[in-house]
Amino acid sequence: AEQPPPPPSPNRDPPVARAPPSGIRHRPSFDPMADTVRVPTLPGAQFRLPPQLEGLRRLAYNLYWSWHPQARVLFSYVDNTAWSRYRNPVAVLAGSIAWADHLENTSFMTLYHDILAEFDAYLANGQDHWFYRQHGSELPGPIAYFCAEFGLHESLAIYSGGLGVLAGDHCKTASDMALPFVAVGLYYRHGYFRQTIDADGHQEHAYPDYDVSRLPILRVQGPDGDPLFVPVELPGRTLQVAVWVAQVGRAPVLLLDTDVPENDESDRPITHILYVRGREMRLHQELVLGVGGVRALRALGIRHLEDILFDRVGQHVAFFDPLETGGEHKVGIFATEQSFPFPAQLSRNLVNLFGARPPAVGGDSHALIAAVTSEIALV
């Protein structure tokens, strides 16, 4: 029979607790799976679905389908013509569909149940992932990732190119790794321009006008049950910023929007287009992203952030109010190794992480920045 281990020697020193490696903070009370970032939303488009296929609604409003091919195959079977046109399940489900034919199609129903089972298992199970097993107890809260553009899918054209696609891939990877993670960006109602060539060979560009009711995003619900707005002060007025969410698997991406009736007509276009012209308008975008983004997180009760990371894309930056962040986390800046030409009080809480494509320094003058941010309480 197996013998029990011998009792410890009375002369042996008691075990000494080993300190964690430098920079690692163990907080076993934090459970990243229990504290997964969940964002409450209001109902989306009111398209009709049979009760047996109600799961299609949940799947359509989660960009999980954008990197899981079989989920896209399922929506193409719903209506192949609409799918080929829109590449977007929300727009597909909003059309006129002969649901009775699908309900009688054994192959379709089998695929539907298989995909929904995989989707539900994906959302529910993250404890077997490497991050949770190896580092789950090291974070006091989620990571907030700010970026000016996210390339999540072609149907949600709030990006211009490769760096935006990379930011979108960060979100998808964070979801696959079951990281406690939330991203923050801007909702560009007119996206990025589309280029065409006229009959004379000249380049022309036009901005599309997207119908938000056909996009895979939902309006965020505030603590009072109404649509969530957060204020951002500008000289002489206060913007009301609406908050949308694109759910990317397990990872929510908050999208901030100034095109609402509560704002003056001159302020509604602030978030209309990516790479907006004019220094002052661009600074307004950066204030909405930085200050408005942190306030949106706080309004949703997403606090005790481990880190705030900002991925600087091209010439876009964001202003973070240390009063809003509470000085309790690092604010990381991606994509520059050069110092910022900003007043000291604006950059006190910033930490440069690494360089990817250093932009030219000098950009916006201190005077313009000071004027635009004059109503924001900085410490």
Protein backbone atom coordinates (compact mmCIF):
# COMPACT_ATOMS: atom_id res chain seq x y z
CA ALA A 1 0.00 0.00 0.00
CA GLU A 2 1.12 3.53 -0.72
CA GLN A 3 2.76 5.07 2.34
CA PRO A 4 1.85 8.60 3.44
CA PRO A 5 4.60 11.22 3.12
CA PRO A 6 6.84 11.61 6.19
CA PRO A 7 6.08 14.54 8.50
CA PRO A 8 8.28 17.61 8.05
CA SER A 9 11.49 17.68 10.02
CA PRO A 10 11.22 19.87 13.13
CA ASN A 11 14.59 21.40 12.20
CA ARG A 12 13.49 22.33 8.71
CA ASP A 13 12.75 25.99 8.06
CA PRO A 14 9.14 26.74 7.21
CA PRO A 15 8.47 27.21 3.48
CA VAL A 16 9.00 30.72 2.23
CA ALA A 17 6.44 32.21 -0.14
CA ARG A 18 8.10 32.85 -3.45
CA ALA A 19 7.64 36.34 -4.82
CA PRO A 20 6.11 36.54 -8.30
CA PRO A 21 8.39 37.57 -11.15
CA SER A 22 9.06 41.27 -11.48
CA GLY A 23 6.11 43.16 -12.87
CA ILE A 24 3.60 40.36 -12.17
CA ARG A 25 0.81 41.14 -9.75
CA HIS A 26 -1.16 38.22 -8.38
CA ARG A 27 -4.76 38.94 -7.41
CA PRO A 28 -6.43 35.57 -7.01
CA SER A 29 -9.76 37.21 -6.21
CA PHE A 30 -10.17 38.28 -9.85
CA ASP A 31 -11.81 35.74 -12.11
CA PRO A 32 -11.50 36.88 -15.73
CA MET A 33 -14.22 34.52 -16.87
CA ALA A 34 -16.68 35.64 -14.21
CA ASP A 35 -15.75 39.26 -14.95
CA THR A 36 -15.95 38.98 -18.75
CA VAL A 37 -16.87 42.39 -20.12
CA ARG A 38 -20.57 42.34 -20.95
CA VAL A 39 -22.24 45.34 -22.54
CA PRO A 40 -26.04 45.67 -22.29
CA THR A 41 -27.77 46.55 -25.54
CA LEU A 42 -31.12 47.61 -26.89
CA PRO A 43 -32.94 45.45 -29.48
CA GLY A 44 -31.73 45.69 -33.05
CA ALA A 45 -33.64 45.49 -36.31
CA GLN A 46 -37.10 43.98 -35.86
CA PHE A 47 -36.93 41.35 -38.60
CA ARG A 48 -39.22 38.32 -38.33
CA LEU A 49 -37.73 34.91 -37.50
CA PRO A 50 -39.43 31.58 -36.82
CA PRO A 51 -39.08 30.58 -33.14
CA GLN A 52 -37.08 27.51 -34.22
CA LEU A 53 -34.46 29.79 -35.85
CA GLU A 54 -34.34 32.60 -33.30
CA GLY A 55 -30.65 31.84 -32.69
CA LEU A 56 -29.86 33.42 -36.06
CA ARG A 57 -30.52 36.83 -34.48
CA ARG A 58 -27.85 36.33 -31.80
CA LEU A 59 -25.40 35.02 -34.37
CA ALA A 60 -26.06 37.86 -36.84
CA TYR A 61 -25.27 40.51 -34.22
CA ASN A 62 -21.98 38.89 -33.21
CA LEU A 63 -19.10 39.25 -35.65
CA TYR A 64 -18.05 35.73 -34.69
CA TRP A 65 -19.32 34.82 -38.16
CA SER A 66 -16.70 37.09 -39.78
CA TRP A 67 -13.86 34.67 -39.02
CA HIS A 68 -15.78 31.36 -38.82
CA PRO A 69 -16.47 30.24 -42.40
CA GLN A 70 -19.23 27.76 -41.60
CA ALA A 71 -21.30 30.49 -39.96
CA ARG A 72 -21.08 32.50 -43.19
CA VAL A 73 -22.11 29.42 -45.17
CA LEU A 74 -25.22 29.17 -42.98
CA PHE A 75 -26.29 32.74 -43.82
CA SER A 76 -25.60 32.18 -47.52
CA TYR A 77 -28.03 29.26 -47.40
CA VAL A 78 -30.69 31.55 -45.92
CA ASP A 79 -30.61 33.76 -49.03
CA ASN A 80 -27.65 33.38 -51.34
CA THR A 81 -28.58 36.37 -53.51
CA ALA A 82 -28.83 38.73 -50.53
CA TRP A 83 -25.64 37.31 -49.01
CA SER A 84 -23.70 37.85 -52.26
CA ARG A 85 -24.91 41.45 -52.32
CA TYR A 86 -24.49 42.48 -48.68
CA ARG A 87 -22.04 39.99 -47.08
CA ASN A 88 -23.82 40.90 -43.88
CA PRO A 89 -26.27 38.61 -42.04
CA VAL A 90 -28.31 41.47 -40.54
CA ALA A 91 -29.13 42.76 -44.03
CA VAL A 92 -29.87 39.19 -45.17
CA LEU A 93 -32.31 38.50 -42.32
CA ALA A 94 -34.07 41.83 -42.89
CA GLY A 95 -35.20 40.66 -46.34
CA SER A 96 -38.17 38.58 -47.40
CA ILE A 97 -37.29 34.92 -46.79
CA ALA A 98 -39.27 31.74 -47.38
CA TRP A 99 -38.69 30.36 -43.90
CA ALA A 100 -41.07 27.44 -44.35
CA ASP A 101 -38.75 25.96 -46.98
CA HIS A 102 -35.77 26.17 -44.62
CA LEU A 103 -37.68 24.61 -41.73
CA GLU A 104 -38.44 21.61 -43.93
CA ASN A 105 -34.85 21.32 -45.17
CA THR A 106 -33.13 18.70 -42.98
CA SER A 107 -29.62 19.67 -44.14
CA PHE A 108 -30.21 23.35 -43.35
CA MET A 109 -31.66 22.62 -39.91
CA THR A 110 -28.77 20.28 -39.06
CA LEU A 111 -26.22 22.91 -40.07
CA TYR A 112 -28.13 25.54 -38.07
CA HIS A 113 -28.11 23.47 -34.87
CA ASP A 114 -24.42 22.54 -35.32
CA ILE A 115 -23.31 26.15 -35.86
CA LEU A 116 -25.39 27.48 -32.96
CA ALA A 117 -24.04 24.78 -30.65
CA GLU A 118 -20.46 25.70 -31.61
CA PHE A 119 -21.22 29.41 -31.18
CA ASP A 120 -22.78 28.97 -27.73
CA ALA A 121 -19.93 26.70 -26.61
CA TYR A 122 -17.39 29.26 -27.83
CA LEU A 123 -18.99 32.05 -25.79
CA ALA A 124 -19.43 29.93 -22.67
CA ASN A 125 -16.08 28.19 -22.52
CA GLY A 126 -12.85 30.08 -22.01
CA GLN A 127 -11.34 28.46 -18.93
CA ASP A 128 -9.39 25.92 -20.97
CA HIS A 129 -7.46 28.64 -22.75
CA TRP A 130 -3.78 29.34 -22.14
CA PHE A 131 -4.34 32.84 -20.80
CA TYR A 132 -6.89 31.82 -18.19
CA ARG A 133 -4.82 28.85 -17.02
CA GLN A 134 -1.48 30.66 -16.90
CA HIS A 135 -2.29 34.31 -16.16
CA GLY A 136 -5.93 34.56 -15.20
CA SER A 137 -5.20 35.65 -11.65
CA GLU A 138 -2.71 38.37 -12.58
CA LEU A 139 -5.13 41.06 -13.79
CA PRO A 140 -7.20 43.27 -11.50
CA GLY A 141 -9.56 44.05 -14.36
CA PRO A 142 -9.97 44.10 -18.13
CA ILE A 143 -7.72 45.67 -20.74
CA ALA A 144 -9.16 48.62 -22.71
CA TYR A 145 -7.88 48.98 -26.26
CA PHE A 146 -8.47 52.31 -28.03
CA CYS A 147 -8.00 52.72 -31.77
CA ALA A 148 -9.21 55.19 -34.41
CA GLU A 149 -10.23 52.42 -36.82
CA PHE A 150 -11.16 48.74 -36.67
CA GLY A 151 -11.20 46.48 -39.73
CA LEU A 152 -13.63 43.87 -38.44
CA HIS A 153 -15.46 43.07 -41.68
CA GLU A 154 -16.07 44.68 -45.06
CA SER A 155 -19.72 45.32 -44.22
CA LEU A 156 -18.67 47.56 -41.31
CA ALA A 157 -16.44 49.97 -43.22
CA ILE A 158 -14.94 51.94 -40.33
CA TYR A 159 -11.36 51.32 -41.47
CA SER A 160 -9.14 52.33 -44.39
CA GLY A 161 -6.44 49.69 -44.67
CA GLY A 162 -3.95 47.30 -43.14
CA LEU A 163 -3.48 48.92 -39.73
CA GLY A 164 -7.23 48.99 -39.20
CA VAL A 165 -7.43 45.33 -40.18
CA LEU A 166 -4.63 44.61 -37.71
CA ALA A 167 -6.62 46.34 -34.95
CA GLY A 168 -9.62 44.21 -35.86
CA ASP A 169 -7.47 41.08 -35.69
CA HIS A 170 -6.32 42.13 -32.21
CA CYS A 171 -9.97 42.03 -31.13
CA LYS A 172 -10.61 38.65 -32.72
CA THR A 173 -7.48 37.20 -31.15
CA ALA A 174 -8.42 38.63 -27.74
CA SER A 175 -11.75 36.87 -28.12
CA ASP A 176 -10.15 33.56 -29.13
CA MET A 177 -7.77 33.78 -26.16
CA ALA A 178 -10.65 34.63 -23.80
CA LEU A 179 -8.85 37.78 -22.63
CA PRO A 180 -10.75 40.19 -20.36
CA PHE A 181 -10.86 42.85 -23.05
CA VAL A 182 -12.90 45.79 -24.35
CA ALA A 183 -12.10 47.97 -27.36
CA VAL A 184 -13.15 51.56 -28.06
CA GLY A 185 -13.36 53.31 -31.41
CA LEU A 186 -15.50 55.71 -33.45
CA TYR A 187 -18.57 54.92 -35.50
CA TYR A 188 -18.01 56.55 -38.89
CA ARG A 189 -21.45 56.74 -40.50
CA HIS A 190 -19.87 57.50 -43.88
CA GLY A 191 -16.82 55.32 -43.37
CA TYR A 192 -13.83 55.76 -45.65
CA PHE A 193 -14.14 57.08 -49.18
CA ARG A 194 -14.55 54.88 -52.22
CA GLN A 195 -12.42 55.64 -55.26
CA THR A 196 -13.60 55.58 -58.86
CA ILE A 197 -12.10 56.67 -62.18
CA ASP A 198 -14.18 58.88 -64.47
CA ALA A 199 -14.28 58.71 -68.27
CA ASP A 200 -11.33 61.09 -68.53
CA GLY A 201 -9.18 58.97 -66.23
CA HIS A 202 -9.46 61.30 -63.24
CA GLN A 203 -9.76 59.89 -59.75
CA GLU A 204 -12.99 60.64 -57.91
CA HIS A 205 -14.05 59.70 -54.44
CA ALA A 206 -17.37 59.47 -52.63
CA TYR A 207 -18.43 58.65 -49.10
CA PRO A 208 -21.19 56.04 -48.69
CA ASP A 209 -24.14 56.61 -46.38
CA TYR A 210 -24.63 53.46 -44.33
CA ASP A 211 -27.99 52.37 -42.94
CA VAL A 212 -27.20 51.55 -39.31
CA SER A 213 -30.31 49.37 -39.04
CA ARG A 214 -28.67 46.94 -41.47
CA LEU A 215 -25.28 46.79 -39.78
CA PRO A 216 -24.15 44.20 -37.21
CA ILE A 217 -23.97 46.73 -34.36
CA LEU A 218 -26.38 47.50 -31.52
CA ARG A 219 -27.14 50.58 -29.45
CA VAL A 220 -25.68 50.36 -25.94
CA GLN A 221 -28.15 50.54 -23.07
CA GLY A 222 -27.37 52.84 -20.16
CA PRO A 223 -27.90 52.04 -16.46
CA ASP A 224 -31.35 53.71 -16.62
CA GLY A 225 -32.49 51.46 -19.45
CA ASP A 226 -32.31 54.24 -22.05
CA PRO A 227 -29.77 54.55 -24.88
CA LEU A 228 -26.40 55.47 -23.40
CA PHE A 229 -24.97 58.94 -24.00
CA VAL A 230 -21.75 60.35 -22.53
CA PRO A 231 -20.84 64.05 -22.45
CA VAL A 232 -17.67 65.51 -23.93
CA GLU A 233 -17.04 69.22 -23.35
CA LEU A 234 -15.97 71.44 -26.23
CA PRO A 235 -15.52 75.24 -26.09
CA GLY A 236 -18.93 76.76 -25.37
CA ARG A 237 -20.95 73.55 -25.59
CA THR A 238 -21.14 69.94 -24.50
CA LEU A 239 -21.35 67.12 -27.00
CA GLN A 240 -23.70 64.21 -26.36
CA VAL A 241 -21.95 61.10 -27.65
CA ALA A 242 -24.02 58.01 -28.45
CA VAL A 243 -22.47 54.59 -27.84
CA TRP A 244 -22.86 51.55 -30.09
CA VAL A 245 -21.26 48.14 -29.73
CA ALA A 246 -19.93 45.67 -32.27
CA GLN A 247 -19.68 42.34 -30.46
CA VAL A 248 -16.62 40.44 -31.71
CA GLY A 249 -16.98 36.97 -30.25
CA ARG A 250 -16.34 37.48 -26.54
CA ALA A 251 -14.87 40.99 -27.06
CA PRO A 252 -17.09 44.10 -27.21
CA VAL A 253 -15.96 47.02 -29.36
CA LEU A 254 -17.61 50.29 -28.27
CA LEU A 255 -18.17 52.75 -31.12
CA LEU A 256 -18.78 56.44 -30.32
CA ASP A 257 -21.12 58.54 -32.46
CA THR A 258 -21.82 62.29 -32.48
CA ASP A 259 -24.42 62.23 -35.29
CA VAL A 260 -27.45 62.46 -33.01
CA PRO A 261 -30.24 65.09 -32.80
CA GLU A 262 -29.03 66.19 -29.34
CA ASN A 263 -26.00 67.87 -30.96
CA ASP A 264 -25.73 71.03 -33.01
CA GLU A 265 -25.74 70.51 -36.78
CA SER A 266 -22.12 71.66 -36.97
CA ASP A 267 -21.02 69.01 -34.43
CA ARG A 268 -22.93 66.03 -35.74
CA PRO A 269 -20.35 65.35 -38.53
CA ILE A 270 -17.45 64.99 -36.07
CA THR A 271 -17.58 61.21 -36.35
CA HIS A 272 -18.90 61.02 -39.92
CA ILE A 273 -15.71 60.01 -41.74
CA LEU A 274 -12.35 58.47 -41.07
CA TYR A 275 -9.35 60.78 -41.60
CA VAL A 276 -11.53 63.86 -41.43
CA ARG A 277 -10.10 67.05 -42.91
CA GLY A 278 -9.12 70.00 -40.74
CA ARG A 279 -6.99 70.04 -37.62
CA GLU A 280 -9.73 71.27 -35.31
CA MET A 281 -12.24 68.65 -36.44
CA ARG A 282 -9.59 65.95 -36.06
CA LEU A 283 -8.85 67.14 -32.52
CA HIS A 284 -12.57 66.92 -31.79
CA GLN A 285 -12.51 63.30 -32.94
CA GLU A 286 -9.54 62.58 -30.69
CA LEU A 287 -11.28 64.12 -27.68
CA VAL A 288 -14.41 62.07 -28.35
CA LEU A 289 -12.31 58.90 -28.62
CA GLY A 290 -10.14 59.48 -25.56
CA VAL A 291 -12.33 61.33 -23.07
CA GLY A 292 -15.64 60.01 -24.37
CA GLY A 293 -14.31 56.47 -24.50
CA VAL A 294 -13.16 56.43 -20.89
CA ARG A 295 -16.44 57.97 -19.76
CA ALA A 296 -18.38 55.31 -21.68
CA LEU A 297 -16.43 52.60 -19.88
CA ARG A 298 -17.13 54.21 -16.53
CA ALA A 299 -20.83 54.64 -17.34
CA LEU A 300 -21.02 50.91 -18.03
CA GLY A 301 -19.34 50.10 -14.73
CA ILE A 302 -16.16 48.88 -16.47
CA ARG A 303 -13.59 50.03 -13.93
CA HIS A 304 -10.34 48.81 -12.39
CA LEU A 305 -8.84 48.56 -15.86
CA GLU A 306 -5.47 46.84 -15.95
CA ASP A 307 -4.20 48.96 -18.84
CA ILE A 308 -5.49 51.39 -21.42
CA LEU A 309 -3.80 50.81 -24.77
CA PHE A 310 -4.13 53.25 -27.63
CA ASP A 311 -3.11 52.10 -31.07
CA ARG A 312 -2.03 55.22 -32.91
CA VAL A 313 -3.00 54.77 -36.56
CA GLY A 314 -1.39 57.21 -38.99
CA GLN A 315 -1.75 60.71 -37.55
CA HIS A 316 -4.56 59.83 -35.12
CA VAL A 317 -4.02 60.14 -31.40
CA ALA A 318 -6.43 60.35 -28.48
CA PHE A 319 -6.63 62.59 -25.44
CA PHE A 320 -7.02 60.83 -22.12
CA ASP A 321 -8.08 62.87 -19.12
CA PRO A 322 -6.08 61.62 -16.11
CA LEU A 323 -8.98 62.73 -13.93
CA GLU A 324 -11.21 60.30 -15.83
CA THR A 325 -8.73 57.41 -15.72
CA GLY A 326 -8.06 58.10 -12.06
CA GLY A 327 -4.33 57.69 -12.62
CA GLU A 328 -4.79 54.03 -11.71
CA HIS A 329 -3.59 52.46 -14.94
CA LYS A 330 -0.96 52.93 -17.58
CA VAL A 331 -1.99 54.52 -20.87
CA GLY A 332 0.03 52.95 -23.67
CA ILE A 333 0.61 54.52 -27.06
CA PHE A 334 1.34 52.22 -29.99
CA ALA A 335 3.09 53.27 -33.18
CA THR A 336 5.47 56.02 -32.18
CA GLU A 337 8.86 56.33 -30.57
CA GLN A 338 8.90 60.12 -30.79
CA SER A 339 7.79 62.55 -28.14
CA PHE A 340 4.42 64.21 -28.53
CA PRO A 341 4.23 67.98 -29.03
CA PHE A 342 1.44 68.26 -26.46
CA PRO A 343 1.29 70.30 -23.26
CA ALA A 344 2.71 68.42 -20.29
CA GLN A 345 -0.63 68.11 -18.52
CA LEU A 346 -2.08 66.28 -21.53
CA SER A 347 0.67 63.68 -21.73
CA ARG A 348 1.39 63.12 -18.03
CA ASN A 349 -0.44 59.81 -18.02
CA LEU A 350 0.98 58.45 -21.29
CA VAL A 351 3.56 55.70 -21.70
CA ASN A 352 5.18 54.99 -25.07
CA LEU A 353 5.28 51.26 -25.70
CA PHE A 354 6.84 50.61 -29.08
CA GLY A 355 7.21 52.02 -32.56
CA ALA A 356 5.57 50.84 -35.78
CA ARG A 357 5.35 53.80 -38.12
CA PRO A 358 6.64 57.00 -36.52
CA PRO A 359 4.72 60.05 -37.75
CA ALA A 360 6.24 63.46 -38.17
CA VAL A 361 6.32 65.42 -34.95
CA GLY A 362 4.98 68.92 -34.87
CA GLY A 363 1.42 68.44 -36.13
CA ASP A 364 -1.08 70.35 -34.04
CA SER A 365 0.01 73.51 -32.28
CA HIS A 366 -0.15 73.87 -28.52
CA ALA A 367 -2.48 76.85 -28.92
CA LEU A 368 -5.04 74.90 -30.95
CA ILE A 369 -4.91 71.95 -28.57
CA ALA A 370 -5.31 74.27 -25.57
CA ALA A 371 -8.33 75.95 -27.19
CA VAL A 372 -10.10 72.74 -28.11
CA THR A 373 -9.48 71.13 -24.71
CA SER A 374 -10.17 74.23 -22.63
CA GLU A 375 -13.44 72.87 -21.21
CA ILE A 376 -11.98 69.49 -20.18
CA ALA A 377 -10.94 69.36 -16.52
CA LEU A 378 -7.35 68.10 -16.52
CA VAL A 379 -5.18 67.40 -13.51
